[in-house]
C-alpha cells in the first residue's frame, strides 16, 4: 500500500544547501522560546523545512498513515535532520495520547486537515498539551470562526484567544 504525502513529494536537499525557507513572520515571535512544537494537520512541507532551520525547536509531526513514517524518517535523515529534532508519530490527533503541558507551540491547520470534526473539538483536544504561562496554539481559521471560538473559549484558564 502506498500513501501519498505532500512531504514525500519534496526534492531531497543536501545538508550543505543553504536554507531558502525562512520562518514566516506570523510564527517567528511565538517560536523564539524554542521547545516542543506540534504540527497538527499541517501538510505544508515548506513550513516544516523552515521550522527545521531553528535548532532550538523539537518538532513533532503526527502522520495518519503508519506506512508513511519510515519514508518520511529516511527522507529527513537524508536531509540532515536527526530524530531528536523531528519526530513522526503514527495516528490521528484523536488517537495519539498527547502528554499534558509538553508543547510550547502548537500550529494547527483547519480542523478538517487535522482530522477533527470542528474547531471547538480541535481546541479541546490540543489545549491540554500546551505549556501553561506562554504556550501558544496557532490555528488557521477565518475571522468569523475566530469570533465564535473567542466567545466559546473566553473562560478557558490562562488562555488568550487573539487573531494574528
Foldseek 3Di string as FASTA:
>chain_A
DDDDALLLPDDQDAQVDDQPQAAPPVCPVLCPVAFEEEEQLDRDNSNVSNVLVDPSHAYEYEDADPVCQVVNQVRVVNNVDDCRRYPYHYRALVPDDQDFQRAQEYEYEAQVSSVHDHPVVVCVSCVRNHHADRRYYHYDDDPVSLVVVCVVCVVPPRDDRDDD
